[in-house]
Amino acid sequence: MNYGLAYAIGFHPWEDAVGDQPFVDRFAELIAKEETGGQQPFGPALDLGTGSGIWGVELAKRGWQVTGVDIVDKALQRAEQRVREAGVAMRLLRGDVTDLTAAGVGDGFRLLLDTGTFHGLLPDQQRAMGASVDAVAGEDATVLLLVWPRRRRPLIRGADRHEVEQAFPGWTITDVTPSFFRLPKPLEVVMRPDEHWYRLRRR
């Protein structure tokens, strides 16, 4: 999917998820699990393909030290505005998720969040992203991937469990849970999201 074009023409239906309460509740549940036994600040978090910064801002509100990275300038402009309006601290960088070191994000991240980038990449790009994430993640890191299943549909390629495992060979999938995300009709019928959260931990 051409996200640069999508943001240029104002097409970003994935932002509607912020008003989808079942999805928001599941997101909060997953993040709370990573916060168990800790206290604010919970540590460094990296929002991969942050887009307009919706979920990075939510992490910052909860007490994470958040860096958001995206390759689309228009998306980052929207994220900067969102961060200002929320009154939180969130670092925003322009960069490619397949080469996070070059983007200068740093390292030692405890939480790495992807709310829809991985499943749009080709296999070689997915593996590059996995290697890039591995290079900047801390020893006790968690990766949360939001993944649409692999099937024929417009715009989004999707990914299956095998592709996740191939891209993250040094990690173990600990949980796969439904996100409860729903698109407005008729997009729901056409896109058939049926997306799931994959939780990965270092082996």
Protein backbone atom coordinates (compact mmCIF):
# COMPACT_ATOMS: atom_id res chain seq x y z
CA MET A 1 0.00 0.00 0.00
CA ASN A 2 1.23 3.50 -0.84
CA TYR A 3 0.86 5.24 2.52
CA GLY A 4 2.37 8.46 1.19
CA LEU A 5 -0.41 8.74 -1.35
CA ALA A 6 -3.03 7.66 1.19
CA TYR A 7 -2.08 10.44 3.61
CA ALA A 8 -1.74 12.95 0.75
CA ILE A 9 -5.36 12.41 -0.29
CA GLY A 10 -6.68 12.08 3.27
CA PHE A 11 -7.40 8.34 3.12
CA HIS A 12 -6.47 6.81 6.47
CA PRO A 13 -9.39 4.68 7.74
CA TRP A 14 -7.08 2.87 10.18
CA GLU A 15 -7.22 6.01 12.33
CA ASP A 16 -10.88 5.19 12.99
CA ALA A 17 -9.70 2.44 15.32
CA VAL A 18 -9.27 5.06 18.04
CA GLY A 19 -13.09 5.19 18.21
CA ASP A 20 -13.55 1.42 18.12
CA GLN A 21 -14.02 0.66 21.82
CA PRO A 22 -13.51 -3.13 21.69
CA PHE A 23 -10.24 -2.56 19.83
CA VAL A 24 -9.14 0.15 22.27
CA ASP A 25 -9.98 -2.07 25.24
CA ARG A 26 -7.94 -4.97 23.84
CA PHE A 27 -5.01 -2.64 23.15
CA ALA A 28 -5.14 -1.34 26.73
CA GLU A 29 -5.30 -4.90 28.04
CA LEU A 30 -2.20 -5.93 26.11
CA ILE A 31 -0.20 -2.89 27.20
CA ALA A 32 -1.27 -3.33 30.83
CA LYS A 33 0.20 -6.83 30.71
CA GLU A 34 3.58 -5.34 29.81
CA GLU A 35 3.28 -2.88 32.70
CA THR A 36 2.52 -5.50 35.35
CA GLY A 37 4.89 -5.25 38.29
CA GLY A 38 6.41 -2.01 37.05
CA GLN A 39 5.90 1.66 37.71
CA GLN A 40 6.11 4.82 35.65
CA PRO A 41 8.16 5.44 33.64
CA PHE A 42 7.80 1.94 32.25
CA GLY A 43 10.75 2.25 29.91
CA PRO A 44 11.54 3.02 26.28
CA ALA A 45 8.96 2.06 23.67
CA LEU A 46 9.26 2.21 19.89
CA ASP A 47 6.15 2.79 17.79
CA LEU A 48 6.96 1.26 14.39
CA GLY A 49 5.22 2.95 11.47
CA THR A 50 3.66 5.38 13.92
CA GLY A 51 1.53 7.11 11.28
CA SER A 52 -0.31 9.98 12.93
CA GLY A 53 0.94 8.85 16.34
CA ILE A 54 -2.35 7.65 17.81
CA TRP A 55 -1.02 4.65 19.69
CA GLY A 56 2.35 6.16 20.49
CA VAL A 57 0.51 9.01 22.22
CA GLU A 58 -1.55 6.48 24.17
CA LEU A 59 1.66 4.78 25.32
CA ALA A 60 3.10 8.14 26.37
CA LYS A 61 -0.04 8.92 28.37
CA ARG A 62 0.43 5.65 30.23
CA GLY A 63 4.00 6.50 31.20
CA TRP A 64 6.18 4.99 28.46
CA GLN A 65 9.12 6.89 26.96
CA VAL A 66 8.03 6.75 23.35
CA THR A 67 9.82 7.12 20.04
CA GLY A 68 7.70 7.00 16.89
CA VAL A 69 9.20 6.32 13.48
CA ASP A 70 7.56 6.60 10.07
CA ILE A 71 8.67 7.18 6.50
CA VAL A 72 5.70 9.34 5.45
CA ASP A 73 6.22 13.07 6.04
CA LYS A 74 2.49 13.88 6.02
CA ALA A 75 1.85 11.24 8.66
CA LEU A 76 4.61 12.65 10.86
CA GLN A 77 3.14 16.14 10.53
CA ARG A 78 -0.19 14.80 11.76
CA ALA A 79 1.64 13.01 14.59
CA GLU A 80 3.42 16.19 15.65
CA GLN A 81 0.07 17.97 15.91
CA ARG A 82 -1.44 15.07 17.87
CA VAL A 83 1.48 15.04 20.31
CA ARG A 84 1.15 18.79 20.90
CA GLU A 85 -2.59 18.54 21.47
CA ALA A 86 -2.14 15.63 23.90
CA GLY A 87 0.55 17.47 25.85
CA VAL A 88 2.80 14.42 26.08
CA ALA A 89 6.47 13.80 25.38
CA MET A 90 7.02 11.67 22.28
CA ARG A 91 10.04 11.73 19.99
CA LEU A 92 9.21 11.51 16.27
CA LEU A 93 11.70 10.46 13.62
CA ARG A 94 11.56 9.94 9.88
CA GLY A 95 12.90 6.52 9.02
CA ASP A 96 12.36 3.12 7.46
CA VAL A 97 11.32 0.26 9.75
CA THR A 98 13.60 -2.05 7.74
CA ASP A 99 16.64 0.01 8.80
CA LEU A 100 15.98 1.46 12.24
CA THR A 101 19.66 1.91 13.04
CA ALA A 102 20.03 4.30 10.09
CA ALA A 103 16.97 6.18 11.35
CA GLY A 104 18.83 6.87 14.60
CA VAL A 105 16.11 5.56 16.90
CA GLY A 106 18.61 4.27 19.47
CA ASP A 107 18.39 0.89 21.15
CA GLY A 108 17.41 -0.92 24.33
CA PHE A 109 13.67 -0.66 23.71
CA ARG A 110 11.56 -2.63 26.15
CA LEU A 111 8.39 -2.50 24.05
CA LEU A 112 8.16 -2.42 20.26
CA LEU A 113 4.72 -1.80 18.82
CA ASP A 114 3.53 -2.24 15.25
CA THR A 115 -0.12 -1.45 14.58
CA GLY A 116 -0.13 -2.28 10.88
CA THR A 117 3.22 -2.00 9.08
CA PHE A 118 4.58 -5.55 9.01
CA HIS A 119 1.59 -7.12 7.27
CA GLY A 120 1.89 -4.74 4.32
CA LEU A 121 5.50 -5.66 3.53
CA LEU A 122 6.89 -8.22 1.10
CA PRO A 123 8.71 -11.24 2.62
CA ASP A 124 12.22 -9.81 2.16
CA GLN A 125 11.08 -6.53 3.70
CA GLN A 126 9.47 -8.39 6.60
CA ARG A 127 12.73 -10.19 7.31
CA ALA A 128 14.63 -6.90 7.12
CA MET A 129 12.20 -5.35 9.55
CA GLY A 130 12.60 -8.30 11.92
CA ALA A 131 16.38 -8.01 11.84
CA SER A 132 16.14 -4.26 12.35
CA VAL A 133 13.83 -4.67 15.34
CA ASP A 134 16.15 -7.31 16.78
CA ALA A 135 19.06 -4.85 16.58
CA VAL A 136 17.35 -2.11 18.61
CA ALA A 137 15.33 -4.18 21.09
CA GLY A 138 16.46 -4.67 24.67
CA GLU A 139 17.31 -8.05 26.14
CA ASP A 140 13.95 -8.35 27.88
CA ALA A 141 11.86 -6.83 25.07
CA THR A 142 8.35 -7.54 23.90
CA VAL A 143 7.14 -7.04 20.33
CA LEU A 144 3.44 -6.52 19.68
CA LEU A 145 2.45 -6.95 16.02
CA LEU A 146 -1.02 -6.23 14.69
CA VAL A 147 -1.42 -8.57 11.71
CA TRP A 148 -4.16 -9.07 9.14
CA PRO A 149 -4.22 -12.67 7.88
CA ARG A 150 -2.70 -13.52 4.52
CA ARG A 151 -5.42 -13.56 1.88
CA ARG A 152 -6.41 -11.95 -1.41
CA ARG A 153 -7.71 -8.42 -0.82
CA PRO A 154 -7.06 -4.89 -2.09
CA LEU A 155 -4.35 -2.66 -0.58
CA ILE A 156 -3.05 -4.85 2.27
CA ARG A 157 -1.10 -8.05 1.62
CA GLY A 158 -1.48 -9.58 5.07
CA ALA A 159 0.82 -12.09 6.75
CA ASP A 160 0.57 -15.51 8.35
CA ARG A 161 2.19 -17.03 11.42
CA HIS A 162 4.96 -18.66 9.38
CA GLU A 163 5.97 -15.28 7.95
CA VAL A 164 6.09 -13.78 11.44
CA GLU A 165 8.30 -16.65 12.61
CA GLN A 166 10.55 -16.32 9.56
CA ALA A 167 11.01 -12.60 10.17
CA PHE A 168 11.74 -13.00 13.90
CA PRO A 169 13.83 -16.19 14.21
CA GLY A 170 15.26 -15.21 17.58
CA TRP A 171 11.83 -14.64 19.10
CA THR A 172 8.98 -16.80 20.37
CA ILE A 173 5.32 -16.10 19.72
CA THR A 174 3.73 -16.29 23.17
CA ASP A 175 0.19 -15.20 22.32
CA VAL A 176 -2.05 -14.65 19.30
CA THR A 177 -5.29 -12.88 20.17
CA PRO A 178 -8.04 -11.18 18.13
CA SER A 179 -7.94 -7.39 18.03
CA PHE A 180 -11.73 -6.98 17.66
CA PHE A 181 -11.12 -4.25 15.06
CA ARG A 182 -14.02 -3.54 12.73
CA LEU A 183 -14.02 -1.38 9.63
CA PRO A 184 -17.07 0.62 8.52
CA LYS A 185 -19.20 -1.17 5.95
CA PRO A 186 -18.72 -1.72 3.02
CA LEU A 187 -14.95 -1.69 3.77
CA GLU A 188 -15.50 -4.49 6.28
CA VAL A 189 -16.85 -6.77 3.54
CA VAL A 190 -14.18 -5.86 1.00
CA MET A 191 -11.12 -5.88 3.28
CA ARG A 192 -12.10 -8.67 5.71
CA PRO A 193 -9.55 -7.62 8.37
CA ASP A 194 -9.95 -10.42 10.98
CA GLU A 195 -6.72 -9.10 12.45
CA HIS A 196 -4.84 -10.50 15.44
CA TRP A 197 -2.22 -9.29 17.88
CA TYR A 198 0.98 -11.32 17.93
CA ARG A 199 3.04 -11.04 21.10
CA LEU A 200 6.70 -12.02 20.75
CA ARG A 201 9.44 -12.41 23.32
CA ARG A 202 13.15 -13.04 22.90
CA ARG A 203 14.14 -16.70 23.16
